[in-house]
Protein backbone atom coordinates (compact mmCIF):
# COMPACT_ATOMS: atom_id res chain seq x y z
CA MET A 1 -31.57 -99.14 13.37
CA ALA A 2 -28.54 -99.83 11.18
CA GLY A 3 -26.16 -102.62 10.18
CA LEU A 4 -22.39 -103.12 10.38
CA TYR A 5 -20.48 -105.26 7.88
CA LEU A 6 -16.84 -106.28 8.34
CA HIS A 7 -14.93 -107.70 5.38
CA ILE A 8 -12.25 -110.23 6.32
CA PRO A 9 -10.19 -110.55 3.10
CA PHE A 10 -8.41 -113.87 3.62
CA CYS A 11 -9.02 -117.42 2.38
CA LYS A 12 -7.05 -120.66 2.61
CA GLN A 13 -7.49 -121.21 -1.12
CA ALA A 14 -9.33 -119.64 -4.02
CA CYS A 15 -12.68 -121.12 -5.06
CA HIS A 16 -12.81 -121.28 -8.85
CA TYR A 17 -16.07 -119.31 -9.16
CA CYS A 18 -15.36 -116.54 -6.62
CA ASN A 19 -14.81 -112.90 -7.60
CA PHE A 20 -14.92 -111.38 -4.10
CA HIS A 21 -11.89 -109.52 -2.81
CA PHE A 22 -9.56 -111.80 -0.82
CA SER A 23 -5.96 -112.96 -0.47
CA THR A 24 -4.68 -116.50 0.11
CA SER A 25 -1.64 -115.12 1.93
CA LEU A 26 -2.18 -114.62 5.67
CA LYS A 27 1.10 -112.81 6.32
CA ASN A 28 -0.62 -109.44 6.76
CA LYS A 29 -3.48 -110.71 8.92
CA ASP A 30 -2.23 -109.04 12.11
CA ALA A 31 -1.82 -105.71 10.33
CA MET A 32 -5.25 -106.10 8.73
CA VAL A 33 -6.97 -106.71 12.07
CA ALA A 34 -5.23 -103.64 13.50
CA ALA A 35 -6.46 -101.63 10.49
CA LEU A 36 -10.02 -102.87 10.98
CA LEU A 37 -9.88 -101.72 14.60
CA GLN A 38 -8.59 -98.33 13.48
CA GLU A 39 -11.26 -97.94 10.79
CA LEU A 40 -13.96 -98.76 13.32
CA ARG A 41 -12.69 -95.76 15.29
CA LEU A 42 -12.32 -93.50 12.24
CA GLN A 43 -15.83 -94.29 10.93
CA ARG A 44 -17.65 -94.05 14.26
CA GLU A 45 -19.67 -90.98 13.18
CA TYR A 46 -20.88 -92.43 9.86
CA LEU A 47 -24.16 -93.83 11.22
CA GLU A 48 -24.79 -90.67 13.29
CA GLY A 49 -25.38 -92.63 16.47
CA GLU A 50 -28.03 -94.91 14.97
CA PRO A 51 -28.00 -98.16 16.99
CA LEU A 52 -26.66 -101.32 15.37
CA GLU A 53 -29.23 -104.11 15.14
CA THR A 54 -27.06 -106.43 13.03
CA ILE A 55 -23.34 -107.16 12.73
CA TYR A 56 -22.05 -109.32 9.89
CA PHE A 57 -18.57 -110.78 9.38
CA GLY A 58 -18.15 -111.55 5.68
CA GLY A 59 -15.28 -112.21 3.33
CA GLY A 60 -13.20 -113.93 2.47
CA THR A 61 -13.29 -116.34 5.32
CA PRO A 62 -14.01 -114.73 8.70
CA SER A 63 -13.75 -118.11 10.44
CA LEU A 64 -9.98 -117.73 10.02
CA LEU A 65 -10.04 -115.12 12.81
CA SER A 66 -8.93 -116.29 16.24
CA GLN A 67 -11.03 -115.75 19.36
CA LEU A 68 -8.56 -113.08 20.51
CA GLU A 69 -8.95 -111.22 17.21
CA LEU A 70 -12.73 -111.45 17.39
CA ASP A 71 -12.69 -110.26 21.00
CA ALA A 72 -10.64 -107.19 20.00
CA ILE A 73 -13.06 -106.37 17.17
CA PHE A 74 -16.10 -106.69 19.41
CA GLU A 75 -14.44 -104.52 22.05
CA ALA A 76 -13.93 -101.78 19.44
CA ILE A 77 -17.52 -102.10 18.17
CA PHE A 78 -19.06 -101.80 21.62
CA LYS A 79 -16.71 -98.93 22.49
CA HIS A 80 -17.37 -96.74 19.43
CA TYR A 81 -20.95 -97.61 18.39
CA SER A 82 -24.40 -97.63 19.88
CA VAL A 83 -25.59 -101.24 19.90
CA ALA A 84 -29.19 -102.38 20.29
CA PRO A 85 -29.56 -103.80 23.83
CA GLN A 86 -31.84 -106.63 22.68
CA ASN A 87 -32.17 -108.98 19.71
CA LEU A 88 -28.77 -108.13 18.24
CA GLU A 89 -28.07 -110.43 15.26
CA VAL A 90 -24.35 -111.23 14.87
CA THR A 91 -23.45 -113.41 11.88
CA LEU A 92 -20.12 -114.95 10.98
CA GLU A 93 -19.47 -116.62 7.64
CA ALA A 94 -17.56 -119.88 8.09
CA ASN A 95 -16.15 -122.66 5.97
CA PRO A 96 -16.82 -126.24 7.08
CA ASP A 97 -13.10 -127.08 7.32
CA ASP A 98 -12.68 -124.36 9.97
CA LEU A 99 -15.56 -125.49 12.16
CA ALA A 100 -13.95 -128.13 14.33
CA VAL A 101 -15.53 -128.65 17.74
CA LEU A 102 -12.88 -126.50 19.47
CA LYS A 103 -13.46 -123.62 17.04
CA ILE A 104 -17.23 -123.81 17.41
CA ASN A 105 -16.90 -123.69 21.18
CA GLU A 106 -14.64 -120.63 20.89
CA LEU A 107 -17.26 -118.90 18.77
CA ARG A 108 -19.89 -119.67 21.39
CA ASN A 109 -17.83 -117.55 23.80
CA THR A 110 -18.26 -114.44 21.63
CA PRO A 111 -21.36 -112.35 20.81
CA ILE A 112 -21.75 -114.33 17.55
CA ASN A 113 -25.20 -115.96 17.54
CA ARG A 114 -25.61 -116.87 13.87
CA LEU A 115 -23.35 -118.93 11.60
CA SER A 116 -23.43 -118.76 7.80
CA ILE A 117 -21.80 -121.98 6.61
CA GLY A 118 -20.49 -122.20 3.05
CA VAL A 119 -21.27 -125.84 2.29
CA GLN A 120 -22.15 -125.30 -1.42
CA SER A 121 -22.70 -129.05 -1.96
CA PHE A 122 -22.49 -132.46 -0.31
CA SER A 123 -21.05 -133.95 -3.52
CA GLU A 124 -17.30 -134.57 -3.76
CA ALA A 125 -17.43 -133.99 -7.53
CA ASP A 126 -19.06 -130.58 -7.02
CA LEU A 127 -16.61 -129.58 -4.29
CA ARG A 128 -13.60 -130.52 -6.40
CA PHE A 129 -15.02 -128.65 -9.40
CA MET A 130 -15.47 -125.53 -7.24
CA ASN A 131 -12.06 -126.02 -5.56
CA ARG A 132 -13.55 -125.92 -2.09
CA ALA A 133 -11.21 -126.62 0.84
CA HIS A 134 -13.59 -129.05 2.59
CA ASP A 135 -15.05 -132.42 1.74
CA ALA A 136 -18.57 -133.77 2.11
CA SER A 137 -17.92 -135.44 5.47
CA GLU A 138 -16.70 -132.13 6.93
CA ALA A 139 -19.83 -130.42 5.59
CA HIS A 140 -22.08 -132.88 7.44
CA ALA A 141 -20.01 -132.88 10.62
CA CYS A 142 -19.69 -129.11 11.06
CA ILE A 143 -23.46 -128.58 10.85
CA GLN A 144 -24.20 -131.23 13.44
CA ASN A 145 -21.37 -129.99 15.68
CA ALA A 146 -22.71 -126.42 15.49
CA GLN A 147 -26.21 -127.61 16.39
CA HIS A 148 -24.92 -129.70 19.30
CA ALA A 149 -22.96 -126.67 20.59
CA GLY A 150 -26.19 -124.66 20.76
CA PHE A 151 -26.11 -122.65 17.52
CA GLU A 152 -29.77 -122.67 16.53
CA ASN A 153 -29.58 -119.77 14.07
CA LEU A 154 -27.79 -121.38 11.14
CA THR A 155 -27.85 -120.55 7.46
CA VAL A 156 -26.21 -122.75 4.84
CA ASP A 157 -25.11 -121.76 1.35
CA LEU A 158 -25.70 -124.07 -1.61
CA ILE A 159 -24.85 -123.65 -5.31
CA TYR A 160 -27.01 -125.06 -8.09
CA GLY A 161 -26.59 -125.10 -11.87
CA SER A 162 -23.06 -126.49 -11.85
CA PRO A 163 -22.32 -128.87 -14.75
CA THR A 164 -21.26 -131.42 -12.09
CA THR A 165 -24.54 -131.15 -10.15
CA SER A 166 -27.12 -133.61 -11.43
CA HIS A 167 -30.79 -133.11 -10.61
CA GLN A 168 -30.54 -136.14 -8.31
CA GLN A 169 -27.59 -134.61 -6.43
CA TRP A 170 -29.32 -131.23 -6.15
CA ALA A 171 -32.40 -132.91 -4.67
CA ALA A 172 -30.14 -134.77 -2.23
CA ASN A 173 -28.40 -131.54 -1.15
CA LEU A 174 -31.73 -129.94 -0.34
CA SER A 175 -33.09 -133.03 1.34
CA THR A 176 -30.06 -133.19 3.64
CA LEU A 177 -30.51 -129.63 4.90
CA ILE A 178 -34.27 -129.86 5.16
CA SER A 179 -33.98 -133.06 7.22
CA LEU A 180 -31.55 -131.26 9.56
CA ARG A 181 -34.13 -128.46 9.91
CA ILE A 182 -31.61 -125.78 9.02
CA PRO A 183 -33.72 -122.63 9.55
CA HIS A 184 -32.27 -120.60 6.67
CA LEU A 185 -30.94 -121.50 3.23
CA SER A 186 -29.15 -119.28 0.73
CA CYS A 187 -29.09 -120.93 -2.70
CA TYR A 188 -27.24 -119.36 -5.60
CA CYS A 189 -27.02 -120.22 -9.27
CA LEU A 190 -23.44 -120.83 -10.38
CA THR A 191 -22.31 -117.72 -12.23
CA ILE A 192 -19.20 -117.50 -14.37
CA GLU A 193 -17.70 -114.20 -13.27
CA PRO A 194 -15.02 -112.46 -15.36
CA LYS A 195 -11.38 -112.91 -14.29
CA THR A 196 -12.07 -116.00 -12.22
CA ALA A 197 -10.43 -119.40 -12.59
CA LEU A 198 -13.76 -120.83 -13.76
CA ALA A 199 -14.08 -118.20 -16.49
CA HIS A 200 -10.57 -119.11 -17.69
CA GLN A 201 -11.43 -122.83 -17.67
CA VAL A 202 -14.61 -122.29 -19.67
CA LYS A 203 -12.77 -120.10 -22.17
CA LYS A 204 -10.14 -122.74 -22.84
CA GLY A 205 -12.73 -125.55 -22.89
CA SER A 206 -11.64 -127.47 -19.80
CA ALA A 207 -14.93 -126.70 -18.01
CA GLN A 208 -18.48 -126.58 -19.32
CA PRO A 209 -20.45 -123.33 -19.23
CA VAL A 210 -23.62 -123.06 -17.15
CA ASP A 211 -26.64 -124.51 -18.95
CA ASP A 212 -29.51 -122.07 -18.34
CA GLU A 213 -32.22 -124.71 -18.76
CA HIS A 214 -30.42 -127.08 -16.37
CA ALA A 215 -30.13 -124.27 -13.80
CA ALA A 216 -33.76 -123.20 -14.26
CA GLN A 217 -34.99 -126.74 -13.60
CA GLN A 218 -32.97 -126.89 -10.39
CA PHE A 219 -34.30 -123.50 -9.30
CA GLU A 220 -37.83 -124.78 -9.91
CA HIS A 221 -37.13 -127.84 -7.76
CA LEU A 222 -35.63 -125.57 -5.09
CA MET A 223 -38.82 -123.51 -4.87
CA GLU A 224 -41.04 -126.59 -4.76
CA ALA A 225 -38.97 -128.52 -2.18
CA THR A 226 -38.59 -125.61 0.21
CA GLU A 227 -42.27 -124.68 -0.04
CA ARG A 228 -43.28 -128.24 0.83
CA ALA A 229 -40.95 -128.13 3.83
CA GLY A 230 -42.46 -124.89 5.15
CA TYR A 231 -39.77 -122.43 4.10
CA GLU A 232 -40.73 -118.91 3.03
CA HIS A 233 -39.14 -117.74 -0.22
CA TYR A 234 -38.55 -114.17 0.91
CA GLU A 235 -35.80 -113.20 -1.53
CA ILE A 236 -34.75 -114.75 -4.84
CA SER A 237 -31.85 -116.67 -3.29
CA ASN A 238 -33.04 -116.91 0.31
CA PHE A 239 -35.44 -119.26 2.06
CA ALA A 240 -36.32 -119.29 5.75
CA LEU A 241 -38.53 -121.10 8.17
CA PRO A 242 -41.00 -118.64 9.77
CA GLY A 243 -39.18 -116.20 12.04
CA TRP A 244 -35.69 -116.98 10.75
CA TYR A 245 -35.09 -114.35 8.07
CA SER A 246 -31.60 -112.88 7.77
CA ARG A 247 -32.19 -109.51 9.39
CA HIS A 248 -28.85 -108.16 8.17
CA ASN A 249 -29.38 -109.00 4.51
CA ALA A 250 -33.02 -107.91 4.72
CA SER A 251 -31.80 -104.49 5.85
CA TYR A 252 -29.90 -104.15 2.55
CA TRP A 253 -33.00 -105.00 0.54
CA GLN A 254 -35.17 -102.65 2.59
CA GLY A 255 -32.85 -99.67 2.15
CA LYS A 256 -31.63 -99.32 5.74
CA LYS A 257 -28.31 -97.66 6.57
CA TYR A 258 -25.19 -99.76 6.93
CA LEU A 259 -21.47 -99.22 7.43
CA GLY A 260 -18.86 -101.41 5.76
CA ILE A 261 -15.44 -101.87 7.38
CA GLY A 262 -12.43 -103.37 5.60
CA PRO A 263 -11.02 -103.47 2.05
CA SER A 264 -13.73 -103.48 -0.67
CA ALA A 265 -16.50 -102.99 1.93
CA HIS A 266 -19.47 -100.82 0.93
CA SER A 267 -21.44 -98.33 3.05
CA TYR A 268 -24.83 -96.65 2.48
CA ASN A 269 -26.54 -93.84 4.38
CA GLY A 270 -29.68 -93.32 2.29
CA HIS A 271 -28.25 -90.57 0.09
CA SER A 272 -24.79 -91.77 -0.91
CA ARG A 273 -22.84 -94.96 -1.33
CA GLN A 274 -19.14 -95.43 -0.73
CA TRP A 275 -16.73 -98.32 -1.06
CA ASN A 276 -13.24 -98.91 0.26
CA VAL A 277 -10.26 -99.69 -1.95
CA ALA A 278 -10.07 -103.38 -2.89
CA ASN A 279 -6.36 -103.72 -2.16
CA ASN A 280 -5.08 -105.00 1.18
CA ALA A 281 -1.74 -103.21 1.17
CA ASN A 282 -3.22 -99.87 0.10
CA TYR A 283 -6.03 -100.21 2.61
CA ILE A 284 -3.66 -100.93 5.51
CA ARG A 285 -1.28 -98.14 4.52
CA SER A 286 -4.07 -95.54 4.29
CA ILE A 287 -5.69 -96.55 7.56
CA GLN A 288 -2.32 -96.43 9.34
CA ALA A 289 -2.01 -92.84 8.08
CA GLY A 290 -5.43 -92.01 9.52
CA ASP A 291 -7.35 -91.92 6.23
CA VAL A 292 -10.16 -94.19 5.06
CA PRO A 293 -9.46 -94.98 1.37
CA PHE A 294 -12.90 -94.87 -0.21
CA GLU A 295 -14.71 -93.62 -3.29
CA LEU A 296 -18.01 -91.79 -2.84
CA GLU A 297 -21.06 -91.68 -5.08
CA LEU A 298 -23.98 -89.33 -4.42
CA LEU A 299 -27.10 -91.14 -5.58
CA THR A 300 -29.26 -89.42 -8.18
CA PRO A 301 -33.07 -89.87 -8.22
CA VAL A 302 -32.67 -92.29 -11.16
CA GLN A 303 -30.11 -94.38 -9.26
CA ARG A 304 -32.28 -94.48 -6.14
CA TYR A 305 -35.27 -95.60 -8.22
CA ASN A 306 -33.27 -98.25 -10.10
CA GLU A 307 -31.82 -99.65 -6.89
CA TYR A 308 -35.24 -99.81 -5.29
CA VAL A 309 -36.66 -101.71 -8.28
CA MET A 310 -33.70 -104.10 -8.39
CA THR A 311 -33.82 -104.98 -4.71
CA GLY A 312 -37.59 -104.75 -4.23
CA LEU A 313 -38.49 -107.15 -7.03
CA ARG A 314 -36.11 -109.75 -5.60
CA THR A 315 -38.05 -109.89 -2.34
CA ALA A 316 -41.41 -111.12 -1.10
CA TRP A 317 -42.20 -107.53 -0.13
CA GLY A 318 -42.07 -106.39 -3.76
CA CYS A 319 -42.17 -102.78 -4.93
CA SER A 320 -44.64 -100.25 -3.56
CA LEU A 321 -46.10 -97.93 -6.18
CA LEU A 322 -46.43 -95.32 -3.42
CA LYS A 323 -42.68 -95.46 -2.80
CA ILE A 324 -42.04 -95.28 -6.54
CA LYS A 325 -44.36 -92.28 -6.73
CA ASP A 326 -42.30 -90.57 -4.01
CA LEU A 327 -39.21 -91.21 -6.14
CA GLY A 328 -40.95 -89.62 -9.17
CA PHE A 329 -41.24 -92.66 -11.46
CA GLU A 330 -44.81 -93.89 -10.95
CA THR A 331 -45.91 -93.60 -14.61
CA HIS A 332 -42.66 -95.04 -15.96
CA PHE A 333 -42.89 -98.10 -13.69
CA ALA A 334 -46.62 -98.74 -14.15
CA GLU A 335 -46.34 -98.56 -17.95
CA GLY A 336 -43.32 -100.84 -18.03
CA ALA A 337 -44.91 -103.37 -15.68
CA LYS A 338 -47.91 -103.98 -17.98
CA VAL A 339 -46.11 -106.51 -20.17
CA PHE A 340 -45.03 -108.55 -17.14
CA LEU A 341 -48.51 -108.48 -15.64
CA GLU A 342 -49.86 -109.75 -18.95
CA ASP A 343 -47.35 -112.59 -19.35
CA GLY A 344 -47.80 -113.76 -15.75
CA THR A 345 -44.31 -113.04 -14.44
CA MET A 346 -45.59 -110.25 -12.19
CA GLN A 347 -48.70 -109.65 -10.11
CA VAL A 348 -50.10 -106.61 -8.34
CA VAL A 349 -52.00 -106.58 -5.05
CA GLY A 350 -53.21 -103.16 -4.06
CA ASN A 351 -50.25 -100.87 -4.66
CA THR A 352 -47.59 -103.60 -4.39
CA TYR A 353 -45.98 -105.28 -7.40
CA ARG A 354 -44.37 -108.69 -6.89
CA LEU A 355 -42.86 -111.32 -9.13
CA THR A 356 -44.71 -114.62 -9.50
CA LYS A 357 -42.95 -117.99 -9.36
CA ALA A 358 -42.60 -117.81 -13.13
CA GLY A 359 -40.88 -114.44 -12.85
CA ARG A 360 -38.42 -115.15 -10.07
CA PHE A 361 -35.76 -116.82 -12.20
CA LEU A 362 -36.01 -113.79 -14.53
CA ALA A 363 -35.84 -111.18 -11.76
CA ASP A 364 -32.72 -109.33 -12.87
CA GLY A 365 -33.87 -109.10 -16.48
CA ILE A 366 -37.34 -107.86 -15.52
CA ALA A 367 -35.85 -105.23 -13.23
CA ALA A 368 -33.52 -104.07 -15.99
CA GLU A 369 -36.51 -103.56 -18.31
CA LEU A 370 -38.11 -101.31 -15.68
CA PHE A 371 -35.01 -99.19 -15.04
CA ALA A 372 -35.03 -95.48 -15.86
CA GLY A 373 -32.28 -93.44 -17.43
């Protein structure tokens, strides 16, 4: 089984923290959709007939697509790809300001069965700081409207660690979603990415940098509140009620094959990784000429090991020493892990190494210490 990702590179406005590839101009949207349809045809052999078990519309803001555009994309997918006949997970990322009742009902008339809603916060101060296009009332309304329309499989994004997010507000954000019994939460620490508006603001002193201790305390509260409410912390940033994991994202972490369609989209087939050009005009022009504009990287044993450690340690499944042995780095990993076993940030059960609660906020740094090469 494999996954399909489609990158929709358009947004109404730029969030200050975002470094994903997107454009706030929609003038080329028709040409972009036509290019996506063409790339779906051009890339139809990439997965070698392996059935799709997940489809994910990311961005950007995929909720800007009309029902007609979505229908055309689904028609191309079902024409050119083998699709699992049962339990297909189809996710669409959406912003609250797009999810009016009419839009939600349109989405119900497509194969989409999972919505990923970018709420980020229910605080007006937070939303203004992030330059989000919606307000708190829209965030509440869109969730309830989606539930009333029959969307059970919802995931909501939240951001913690912002200088505008007090501990009281962070607790209120979590309490709101837990009380609504949202089955899946994705919670990310605010990160100041290079070349973003937020990075520029911090540099010139008009915005405060992220306080690591402030963020760590909110992450601690996140783990405690979700555990009390019955959520499983199955990946550093992801929490789900039993049976509601994101199957698409889990496939990334478990090393399954996936195909990425659209500008900046990445693909992986187990041996190599490739990524499309992150430029809308160049992407459209190349696709119109019948060429997919991508760069290819053949993964070395060191890269495959490092990627496995990075993704594995972020999950509840951890890293298998047997898998690491197959990759040729058993001694290197076991020796490096000793210090983290001793300081309590890692534990080992049988042949599986996992991070403890104390280690989860330090996941990326621990993984980096265990890298080879």
